[in-house]
Amino acid sequence: MKNCKLCRYSKVCNDLPMICILLPYIAIAVVVIAVSYLFITQELFPL
């Protein structure tokens, strides 16, 4: 996998091909966790 089309960071993908596959899922997980954290702290435990 010299050129990874799914990932813009070709240098990282060339060294670690699995990051190219997992990167979109990691990004989605980070967003979901951040939104969940904000919802829990703002809605369920208001100050």
Protein backbone atom coordinates (compact mmCIF):
# COMPACT_ATOMS: atom_id res chain seq x y z
CA MET A 1 0.00 0.00 0.00
CA LYS A 2 2.27 2.77 -1.20
CA ASN A 3 -0.60 5.16 -1.87
CA CYS A 4 -3.59 5.02 0.39
CA LYS A 5 -6.55 6.68 -1.34
CA LEU A 6 -8.83 6.79 1.71
CA CYS A 7 -6.36 8.74 3.82
CA ARG A 8 -4.94 12.19 3.12
CA TYR A 9 -1.91 11.58 5.29
CA SER A 10 -0.05 9.29 2.94
CA LYS A 11 3.14 9.21 5.04
CA VAL A 12 1.29 7.85 8.06
CA CYS A 13 -0.68 5.42 5.91
CA ASN A 14 2.45 4.11 4.26
CA ASP A 15 3.95 3.31 7.68
CA LEU A 16 0.75 2.02 9.29
CA PRO A 17 -1.89 0.92 6.74
CA MET A 18 -4.46 0.04 9.44
CA ILE A 19 -4.70 3.70 10.48
CA CYS A 20 -6.07 4.52 7.04
CA ILE A 21 -8.90 2.03 7.55
CA LEU A 22 -9.61 2.91 11.19
CA LEU A 23 -9.27 6.71 10.94
CA PRO A 24 -12.89 7.43 9.83
CA TYR A 25 -14.26 5.19 12.59
CA ILE A 26 -12.01 6.82 15.19
CA ALA A 27 -13.16 10.27 14.06
CA ILE A 28 -16.83 9.25 14.32
CA ALA A 29 -16.25 7.76 17.77
CA VAL A 30 -14.56 10.95 19.00
CA VAL A 31 -17.47 13.08 17.77
CA VAL A 32 -20.08 10.77 19.33
CA ILE A 33 -18.25 10.73 22.66
CA ALA A 34 -17.87 14.52 22.65
CA VAL A 35 -21.56 15.10 21.87
CA SER A 36 -22.62 12.53 24.47
CA TYR A 37 -20.41 14.15 27.10
CA LEU A 38 -21.85 17.58 26.35
CA PHE A 39 -25.41 16.25 26.45
CA ILE A 40 -24.87 14.48 29.77
CA THR A 41 -23.15 17.42 31.44
CA GLN A 42 -25.55 20.08 30.13
CA GLU A 43 -28.92 18.31 30.22
CA LEU A 44 -28.72 15.76 32.99
CA PHE A 45 -26.52 17.67 35.43
CA PRO A 46 -27.30 21.37 35.01
CA LEU A 47 -25.57 23.75 37.37
